[in-house]
Amino acid sequence: MAQKKRTAKPAVPVEEQVQAAFAAYDFEHAESLLTTEIAALKRKRKSTGKLETMLERTRQAALKLHATERITIIDSLVCPKNLMLRNIRLSLESGRIDSYASTFHQRDNSGATIYENEFGNKRFLALPAPVPESSATTPEDSPEDSARSSSAPESPSLRLAVSDKLGTTWSAPAFLTGLIDGEDLEDAPDYAENYPFLLSDGITLYYAATGPESLGGYDIFVTRSDGEDGSFLSPENIGYPYNSPANDYLLAIDEFNQLGWFVSDRNQPADSVCIYTFIPNETRQMYGDELSDAQLRARARITSIRDTWNPDDKEMIATARKRLTALRQGGGNASTAAAPDFIFPIDDQRTYTHMADFKSPTAREKMKQWIKLDKDVTTDATMLQRLRDNYATAKASERQQMANTIQQLEATHYPQLQQLQELGKEIRNDEISHK
């Protein structure tokens, strides 16, 4: 009886093999596949441009793997992408992040976001490029309105811009310069920037971008202001574990509560993201040679949150989780949590919740002032937000009165907020130095 001839399985295209190796962070195998295929195509005198680009990207990814940052992740939360900003609760001292649509009450299908600093006088925002020139505006006509039509375009080509508030007037948004050079932009027609977040130093800016320096989709970058001319230094891809071959959208750090968040859609269904909460490092820490290649890939991929924990850091993790719980309960300010009297981080190891926790009498007395001032600041912030929300839909006859009220509140709110921050620093210094 004649044997049936077996049908050979079709060969898996090289590009698919490379993508699978890349997704597994096996960059050595991906590079081997690419170099072999490129050599074969060159012998046949065929185009290798696309594979050459993939090879360069693979080599960049391999270099970044060895610089994977050691971080302690304390929590993860999966949610719909359109709800991710609501699930990141920042203290008032860290400013606020919001969608363009929510801030300006306009339809927006581009997913643009804004960051507003703690003083409410500077905004970083994503706008479609290019932004047409416009003159100074009044509260009734925001600069963002002049940069967009009444129905925002569905453009993927977003760029970061900055706007400053002078009195009651926001300046016309100005594009940030220095984030990408012209040659790279020509090679990346779909290049986009979004999800800005400014540290409290007023200099360090995190944001997400696509393009030639990205490991895949959006990646998170960091840059710093280069003086008063509005330019920025050449940005750096912050690498693993924050970035991945998938989309990595946002990094935000609450220095007051010593907590950070980054958002990624790696290993998630469509339209969902995972929000990772971590304890920020003062300086970048790497693993060095203490891990095997397989272990390092696992850390970079975040295959297990528990693997990021150091056995000696149990107390630090527990107190960080308390701060996170307080932020979630307090709706964005740890000091408003209902369970403890207050949540006040002293350092990485200590978070106070009651007056009796203080050793320094001076710090204890100042804490009483801080609690009262924090309550005033929170009340004013809530009222300001309500007024701003209502302003967009108010009648023209009501807007002038509302604008005056907003201006009066801002005149007292932002100096009080600065006073609150300075008082908090004094309390920490007094308690730490007490013997």
Protein backbone atom coordinates (compact mmCIF):
# COMPACT_ATOMS: atom_id res chain seq x y z
CA MET A 1 0.00 0.00 0.00
CA ALA A 2 1.47 3.32 -1.06
CA GLN A 3 2.21 5.78 1.73
CA LYS A 4 0.51 9.14 1.62
CA LYS A 5 2.86 11.95 0.84
CA ARG A 6 3.17 14.35 3.74
CA THR A 7 2.34 17.96 3.02
CA ALA A 8 5.15 20.26 4.13
CA LYS A 9 4.14 23.05 6.46
CA PRO A 10 4.57 26.48 4.93
CA ALA A 11 7.67 28.27 6.16
CA VAL A 12 7.06 31.02 8.69
CA PRO A 13 8.09 34.35 7.13
CA VAL A 14 11.28 35.76 8.62
CA GLU A 15 9.56 38.97 9.69
CA GLU A 16 7.06 36.99 11.77
CA GLN A 17 9.89 35.00 13.37
CA VAL A 18 11.68 38.25 14.21
CA GLN A 19 8.55 39.76 15.73
CA ALA A 20 8.06 36.66 17.89
CA ALA A 21 11.67 36.80 19.09
CA PHE A 22 11.36 40.53 19.72
CA ALA A 23 8.19 40.03 21.76
CA ALA A 24 10.07 37.47 23.89
CA TYR A 25 12.96 39.96 24.30
CA ASP A 26 15.25 37.40 22.64
CA PHE A 27 17.08 40.09 20.69
CA GLU A 28 20.13 37.92 19.99
CA HIS A 29 17.96 35.44 18.06
CA ALA A 30 16.12 38.27 16.30
CA GLU A 31 19.44 39.80 15.19
CA SER A 32 20.67 36.42 13.91
CA LEU A 33 17.51 35.92 11.85
CA LEU A 34 17.77 39.40 10.36
CA THR A 35 21.47 39.31 9.47
CA THR A 36 21.01 35.93 7.76
CA GLU A 37 18.01 37.13 5.76
CA ILE A 38 19.66 40.45 4.82
CA ALA A 39 22.72 38.60 3.52
CA ALA A 40 20.50 36.29 1.45
CA LEU A 41 18.56 39.20 -0.05
CA LYS A 42 21.77 41.06 -0.91
CA ARG A 43 23.03 38.02 -2.81
CA LYS A 44 19.79 38.14 -4.80
CA ARG A 45 20.19 41.92 -5.19
CA LYS A 46 16.87 42.57 -3.53
CA SER A 47 15.89 45.48 -1.31
CA THR A 48 16.86 45.17 2.37
CA GLY A 49 15.79 48.61 3.61
CA LYS A 50 12.93 47.43 5.81
CA LEU A 51 14.98 44.64 7.38
CA GLU A 52 17.92 47.00 7.95
CA THR A 53 15.59 49.26 9.92
CA MET A 54 14.36 46.28 11.94
CA LEU A 55 17.97 45.24 12.60
CA GLU A 56 18.90 48.68 13.94
CA ARG A 57 15.83 48.67 16.17
CA THR A 58 16.73 45.19 17.44
CA ARG A 59 20.27 46.27 18.31
CA GLN A 60 18.98 49.32 20.17
CA ALA A 61 16.59 47.12 22.12
CA ALA A 62 19.41 44.72 23.05
CA LEU A 63 21.56 47.57 24.37
CA LYS A 64 18.69 48.87 26.49
CA LEU A 65 18.07 45.43 27.97
CA HIS A 66 21.35 45.58 29.90
CA ALA A 67 20.30 48.96 31.31
CA THR A 68 16.97 47.69 32.69
CA GLU A 69 16.14 49.73 35.78
CA ARG A 70 15.62 48.03 39.12
CA ILE A 71 12.28 49.29 40.43
CA THR A 72 9.82 48.12 43.05
CA ILE A 73 6.31 47.72 41.63
CA ILE A 74 3.67 47.68 44.37
CA ASP A 75 0.44 47.47 42.37
CA SER A 76 -1.05 46.97 38.92
CA LEU A 77 -4.51 47.80 37.63
CA VAL A 78 -6.08 46.87 34.28
CA CYS A 79 -8.71 49.30 32.99
CA PRO A 80 -10.14 50.64 29.72
CA LYS A 81 -7.66 52.97 28.05
CA ASN A 82 -10.12 55.86 28.08
CA LEU A 83 -10.29 55.65 31.89
CA MET A 84 -6.57 55.45 32.64
CA LEU A 85 -6.16 59.10 33.66
CA ARG A 86 -8.98 58.78 36.19
CA ASN A 87 -7.13 55.92 37.86
CA ILE A 88 -3.94 57.88 38.50
CA ARG A 89 -4.49 59.93 41.66
CA LEU A 90 -1.90 62.66 42.17
CA SER A 91 -1.47 64.95 45.15
CA LEU A 92 -2.18 68.64 44.57
CA GLU A 93 1.56 69.28 44.83
CA SER A 94 2.15 67.20 41.69
CA GLY A 95 -0.19 69.11 39.37
CA ARG A 96 -2.87 67.39 37.33
CA ILE A 97 -3.19 65.30 34.17
CA ASP A 98 -6.34 65.26 32.09
CA SER A 99 -7.65 64.68 28.60
CA TYR A 100 -7.98 67.56 26.17
CA ALA A 101 -11.68 66.80 25.79
CA SER A 102 -12.34 66.97 29.54
CA THR A 103 -10.30 70.11 30.09
CA PHE A 104 -11.74 72.17 27.25
CA HIS A 105 -15.16 70.49 26.86
CA GLN A 106 -14.62 69.75 23.18
CA ARG A 107 -14.99 66.59 21.16
CA ASP A 108 -11.56 65.08 20.58
CA ASN A 109 -10.83 61.75 18.93
CA SER A 110 -7.04 62.12 18.92
CA GLY A 111 -6.55 61.06 22.56
CA ALA A 112 -4.64 64.25 23.35
CA THR A 113 -3.78 64.93 26.99
CA ILE A 114 -2.60 67.89 29.05
CA TYR A 115 -0.50 68.42 32.15
CA GLU A 116 -1.07 71.49 34.34
CA ASN A 117 1.45 72.33 37.06
CA GLU A 118 0.57 72.68 40.74
CA PHE A 119 0.35 76.47 40.50
CA GLY A 120 -2.10 76.39 37.60
CA ASN A 121 0.03 78.73 35.50
CA LYS A 122 1.73 76.39 33.03
CA ARG A 123 0.33 73.70 30.74
CA PHE A 124 1.96 71.14 28.50
CA LEU A 125 -0.53 69.82 25.97
CA ALA A 126 -0.68 67.72 22.82
CA LEU A 127 -2.04 69.47 19.73
CA PRO A 128 -2.27 68.51 16.06
CA ALA A 129 0.72 69.77 14.10
CA PRO A 130 1.25 72.37 12.88
CA VAL A 131 -0.50 74.85 15.19
CA PRO A 132 -1.46 78.02 13.34
CA GLU A 133 -0.16 81.27 14.75
CA SER A 134 -2.60 83.14 16.95
CA SER A 135 -2.65 86.23 19.06
CA ALA A 136 -3.07 86.54 22.81
CA THR A 137 -6.45 85.40 24.05
CA THR A 138 -9.00 86.17 26.70
CA PRO A 139 -10.63 83.74 29.14
CA GLU A 140 -13.57 83.48 26.75
CA ASP A 141 -11.27 82.40 23.90
CA SER A 142 -8.57 80.00 25.09
CA PRO A 143 -5.41 79.56 22.97
CA GLU A 144 -6.22 75.90 22.60
CA ASP A 145 -9.49 76.87 20.92
CA SER A 146 -7.54 78.87 18.36
CA ALA A 147 -5.24 75.91 17.71
CA ARG A 148 -8.14 73.56 17.04
CA SER A 149 -11.44 73.88 15.26
CA SER A 150 -14.60 73.57 17.33
CA SER A 151 -14.51 69.90 16.44
CA ALA A 152 -10.93 68.70 16.96
CA PRO A 153 -9.38 66.86 14.00
CA GLU A 154 -8.74 63.13 14.26
CA SER A 155 -5.04 63.62 13.54
CA PRO A 156 -2.49 61.11 14.84
CA SER A 157 0.31 63.64 14.31
CA LEU A 158 0.21 65.23 17.74
CA ARG A 159 2.99 67.49 19.00
CA LEU A 160 3.67 68.83 22.47
CA ALA A 161 3.16 72.52 23.10
CA VAL A 162 3.41 74.75 26.16
CA SER A 163 1.13 77.56 27.32
CA ASP A 164 1.67 79.97 30.22
CA LYS A 165 -0.94 81.84 32.18
CA LEU A 166 -0.43 85.56 32.71
CA GLY A 167 -3.15 86.95 34.95
CA THR A 168 -6.36 85.50 33.53
CA THR A 169 -4.97 84.97 30.03
CA TRP A 170 -3.33 81.85 28.64
CA SER A 171 -0.63 82.44 26.03
CA ALA A 172 -0.95 80.90 22.59
CA PRO A 173 0.56 77.39 22.68
CA ALA A 174 4.12 77.17 21.39
CA PHE A 175 5.61 73.93 20.08
CA LEU A 176 8.45 72.44 22.10
CA THR A 177 11.70 72.40 20.15
CA GLY A 178 14.50 69.87 20.36
CA LEU A 179 12.40 66.72 20.80
CA ILE A 180 13.11 65.37 17.29
CA ASP A 181 15.34 66.60 14.48
CA GLY A 182 14.25 67.18 10.92
CA GLU A 183 15.91 64.11 9.40
CA ASP A 184 14.29 61.73 11.88
CA LEU A 185 10.94 63.43 11.28
CA GLU A 186 11.24 62.87 7.52
CA ASP A 187 11.79 59.15 8.16
CA ALA A 188 8.78 58.94 10.49
CA PRO A 189 5.71 60.53 8.83
CA ASP A 190 3.41 59.16 11.57
CA TYR A 191 5.57 60.53 14.41
CA ALA A 192 3.49 61.69 17.38
CA GLU A 193 4.01 63.08 20.90
CA ASN A 194 1.52 62.90 23.77
CA TYR A 195 1.04 62.28 27.51
CA PRO A 196 3.26 65.02 29.02
CA PHE A 197 4.15 65.11 32.71
CA LEU A 198 6.45 67.66 34.37
CA LEU A 199 8.29 66.92 37.61
CA SER A 200 7.98 69.43 40.41
CA ASP A 201 11.48 70.75 39.60
CA GLY A 202 9.84 72.50 36.64
CA ILE A 203 12.60 71.22 34.33
CA THR A 204 12.25 67.46 33.84
CA LEU A 205 9.58 66.47 31.32
CA TYR A 206 8.33 62.94 30.65
CA TYR A 207 6.22 62.21 27.58
CA ALA A 208 5.40 59.43 25.12
CA ALA A 209 6.33 59.39 21.44
CA THR A 210 6.40 57.12 18.42
CA GLY A 211 9.21 57.20 15.90
CA PRO A 212 12.69 55.82 15.19
CA GLU A 213 13.83 55.77 18.84
CA SER A 214 10.77 53.83 20.00
CA LEU A 215 10.95 50.10 20.78
CA GLY A 216 7.43 49.75 19.44
CA GLY A 217 4.41 52.04 19.15
CA TYR A 218 4.55 54.71 21.85
CA ASP A 219 7.56 54.74 24.19
CA ILE A 220 8.20 56.95 27.21
CA PHE A 221 10.97 59.55 26.93
CA VAL A 222 12.53 62.07 29.29
CA THR A 223 13.99 65.47 28.47
CA ARG A 224 14.96 68.62 30.35
CA SER A 225 14.42 72.30 29.72
CA ASP A 226 17.44 73.99 28.16
CA GLY A 227 17.01 77.51 29.50
CA GLU A 228 14.44 80.27 29.18
CA ASP A 229 14.15 80.12 25.38
CA GLY A 230 11.70 77.22 25.60
CA SER A 231 13.98 74.64 23.98
CA PHE A 232 14.64 71.18 25.38
CA LEU A 233 17.66 68.90 25.46
CA SER A 234 17.76 65.83 23.23
CA PRO A 235 15.33 63.33 24.80
CA GLU A 236 16.27 59.86 26.06
CA ASN A 237 14.22 56.70 25.81
CA ILE A 238 13.90 55.62 29.47
CA GLY A 239 14.14 51.94 28.52
CA TYR A 240 12.96 48.88 30.38
CA PRO A 241 10.84 47.99 32.27
CA TYR A 242 8.82 51.15 31.50
CA ASN A 243 8.93 50.59 27.74
CA SER A 244 8.18 47.51 25.67
CA PRO A 245 7.48 46.41 22.07
CA ALA A 246 3.85 47.41 22.75
CA ASN A 247 2.51 50.93 23.47
CA ASP A 248 3.74 52.61 26.65
CA TYR A 249 1.80 55.79 27.20
CA LEU A 250 2.52 57.73 30.35
CA LEU A 251 4.87 58.09 33.29
CA ALA A 252 3.89 60.28 36.26
CA ILE A 253 5.70 60.71 39.57
CA ASP A 254 4.15 62.11 42.74
CA GLU A 255 7.24 63.26 44.62
CA PHE A 256 5.19 64.35 47.62
CA ASN A 257 3.84 60.82 48.16
CA GLN A 258 6.90 59.06 46.71
CA LEU A 259 4.85 57.08 44.21
CA GLY A 260 5.07 56.69 40.45
CA TRP A 261 2.84 55.28 37.71
CA PHE A 262 3.45 54.10 34.17
CA VAL A 263 0.86 52.86 31.70
CA SER A 264 1.25 50.16 29.04
CA ASP A 265 -0.96 48.03 26.81
CA ARG A 266 1.54 45.13 26.80
CA ASN A 267 -0.21 41.76 27.10
CA GLN A 268 -3.60 43.48 27.25
CA PRO A 269 -6.73 43.09 25.10
CA ALA A 270 -7.61 45.83 22.65
CA ASP A 271 -8.52 49.20 24.20
CA SER A 272 -7.25 48.13 27.65
CA VAL A 273 -4.12 49.18 29.54
CA CYS A 274 -2.29 48.19 32.69
CA ILE A 275 -1.34 50.90 35.19
CA TYR A 276 1.74 49.94 37.19
CA THR A 277 2.40 51.74 40.49
CA PHE A 278 6.01 51.80 41.68
CA ILE A 279 8.33 53.42 44.21
CA PRO A 280 10.55 55.92 42.33
CA ASN A 281 14.32 55.76 42.74
CA GLU A 282 16.27 58.91 43.55
CA THR A 283 18.88 57.78 41.01
CA ARG A 284 18.67 55.08 38.35
CA GLN A 285 19.58 51.64 39.71
CA MET A 286 20.42 48.69 37.47
CA TYR A 287 20.82 44.96 38.08
CA GLY A 288 24.39 44.62 36.85
CA ASP A 289 25.59 41.01 36.65
CA GLU A 290 23.45 39.62 39.47
CA LEU A 291 20.80 38.20 37.10
CA SER A 292 20.99 35.62 34.34
CA ASP A 293 19.93 36.66 30.83
CA ALA A 294 16.60 34.89 31.31
CA GLN A 295 15.99 36.64 34.66
CA LEU A 296 16.90 40.02 33.18
CA ARG A 297 14.44 39.51 30.31
CA ALA A 298 11.76 38.59 32.85
CA ARG A 299 12.38 41.80 34.82
CA ALA A 300 12.29 43.88 31.64
CA ARG A 301 9.01 42.24 30.57
CA ILE A 302 7.52 42.44 34.10
CA THR A 303 6.51 38.79 34.09
CA SER A 304 6.00 38.96 37.87
CA ILE A 305 5.46 41.99 40.09
CA ARG A 306 6.59 40.03 43.15
CA ASP A 307 9.96 39.42 41.50
CA THR A 308 10.63 43.17 41.72
CA TRP A 309 10.46 43.07 45.52
CA ASN A 310 13.55 42.93 47.70
CA PRO A 311 13.03 40.91 50.93
CA ASP A 312 14.58 43.79 52.90
CA ASP A 313 11.98 46.26 51.59
CA LYS A 314 8.84 44.82 53.18
CA GLU A 315 8.28 47.86 55.40
CA MET A 316 8.94 50.29 52.55
CA ILE A 317 6.43 48.45 50.33
CA ALA A 318 3.81 48.35 53.10
CA THR A 319 4.04 52.09 53.77
CA ALA A 320 3.98 52.85 50.04
CA ARG A 321 0.78 50.83 49.70
CA LYS A 322 -0.74 52.83 52.54
CA ARG A 323 0.07 56.02 50.69
CA LEU A 324 -1.48 54.61 47.51
CA THR A 325 -4.64 53.58 49.38
CA ALA A 326 -4.87 57.04 50.92
CA LEU A 327 -4.61 58.69 47.52
CA ARG A 328 -7.35 56.48 46.11
CA GLN A 329 -9.64 57.13 49.07
CA GLY A 330 -8.88 60.83 49.14
CA GLY A 331 -9.58 61.42 45.47
CA GLY A 332 -6.15 62.82 44.64
CA ASN A 333 -4.73 64.10 47.89
CA ALA A 334 -3.36 61.78 50.53
CA SER A 335 -4.08 64.22 53.35
CA THR A 336 -7.84 63.95 52.79
CA ALA A 337 -8.07 60.19 53.44
CA ALA A 338 -10.77 59.33 55.97
CA ALA A 339 -9.21 56.44 57.95
CA PRO A 340 -6.02 57.98 59.46
CA ASP A 341 -5.75 61.54 60.78
CA PHE A 342 -3.48 62.31 57.84
CA ILE A 343 -0.94 60.62 55.55
CA PHE A 344 2.38 62.45 55.64
CA PRO A 345 5.54 60.81 54.18
CA ILE A 346 8.70 61.71 56.10
CA ASP A 347 11.15 59.61 54.07
CA ASP A 348 11.27 56.29 52.20
CA GLN A 349 10.83 54.32 55.43
CA ARG A 350 8.42 56.45 57.45
CA THR A 351 4.90 57.70 56.80
CA TYR A 352 3.11 59.42 59.69
CA THR A 353 -0.64 59.17 60.22
CA HIS A 354 -1.11 60.68 63.71
CA MET A 355 0.32 63.57 65.71
CA ALA A 356 1.76 61.11 68.22
CA ASP A 357 4.09 59.80 65.49
CA PHE A 358 6.17 62.98 65.60
CA LYS A 359 9.28 63.01 67.77
CA SER A 360 10.07 66.67 67.17
CA PRO A 361 7.83 69.14 69.10
CA THR A 362 8.61 71.79 66.48
CA ALA A 363 7.54 69.51 63.63
CA ARG A 364 4.38 68.56 65.54
CA GLU A 365 3.34 72.21 65.95
CA LYS A 366 4.06 72.96 62.31
CA MET A 367 2.00 69.92 61.33
CA LYS A 368 -1.05 71.51 62.93
CA GLN A 369 -0.54 74.53 60.67
CA TRP A 370 -0.01 72.23 57.69
CA ILE A 371 -3.30 70.38 58.27
CA LYS A 372 -5.29 73.63 58.43
CA LEU A 373 -3.55 75.05 55.38
CA ASP A 374 -3.98 71.80 53.44
CA LYS A 375 -7.72 71.88 54.15
CA ASP A 376 -7.95 75.45 52.82
CA VAL A 377 -5.92 74.57 49.73
CA THR A 378 -8.05 71.50 49.01
CA THR A 379 -11.29 73.46 49.43
CA ASP A 380 -10.11 76.20 47.07
CA ALA A 381 -8.87 73.65 44.52
CA THR A 382 -12.26 71.92 44.51
CA MET A 383 -14.08 75.23 44.08
CA LEU A 384 -11.74 76.34 41.30
CA GLN A 385 -12.24 73.09 39.41
CA ARG A 386 -16.01 73.37 39.73
CA LEU A 387 -15.96 76.95 38.45
CA ARG A 388 -13.74 76.02 35.50
CA ASP A 389 -15.98 73.09 34.62
CA ASN A 390 -19.09 75.30 34.70
CA TYR A 391 -17.44 78.22 32.87
CA ALA A 392 -17.47 76.49 29.47
CA THR A 393 -21.24 75.96 29.53
CA ALA A 394 -22.21 79.17 31.35
CA LYS A 395 -24.18 81.95 29.69
CA ALA A 396 -22.22 84.93 28.41
CA SER A 397 -23.84 87.14 31.07
CA GLU A 398 -22.51 84.83 33.82
CA ARG A 399 -19.00 84.38 32.51
CA GLN A 400 -17.58 87.74 33.57
CA GLN A 401 -18.65 87.24 37.17
CA MET A 402 -17.28 83.70 37.13
CA ALA A 403 -14.00 84.93 35.63
CA ASN A 404 -13.65 87.48 38.44
CA THR A 405 -14.31 84.82 41.07
CA ILE A 406 -11.77 82.47 39.47
CA GLN A 407 -9.19 85.24 39.37
CA GLN A 408 -9.74 86.10 43.04
CA LEU A 409 -9.48 82.46 44.09
CA GLU A 410 -6.31 81.94 42.07
CA ALA A 411 -4.73 85.00 43.68
CA THR A 412 -4.92 83.30 47.09
CA HIS A 413 -4.82 79.61 46.12
CA TYR A 414 -1.44 79.41 44.39
CA PRO A 415 0.53 81.34 47.05
CA GLN A 416 -1.09 79.10 49.68
CA LEU A 417 -0.12 76.00 47.72
CA GLN A 418 3.49 77.18 47.58
CA GLN A 419 3.37 77.91 51.31
CA LEU A 420 2.03 74.38 51.91
CA GLN A 421 4.93 72.83 50.02
CA GLU A 422 7.53 74.89 51.89
CA LEU A 423 5.93 74.07 55.23
CA GLY A 424 5.97 70.37 54.37
CA LYS A 425 9.72 70.54 53.67
CA GLU A 426 10.31 72.30 57.00
CA ILE A 427 8.35 69.61 58.86
CA ARG A 428 10.36 66.81 57.27
CA ASN A 429 13.67 68.51 57.95
CA ASP A 430 12.73 69.20 61.58
CA GLU A 431 11.65 65.60 62.15
CA ILE A 432 14.64 64.02 60.39
CA SER A 433 17.15 66.22 62.24
CA HIS A 434 15.50 65.75 65.65
CA LYS A 435 17.57 63.76 68.15
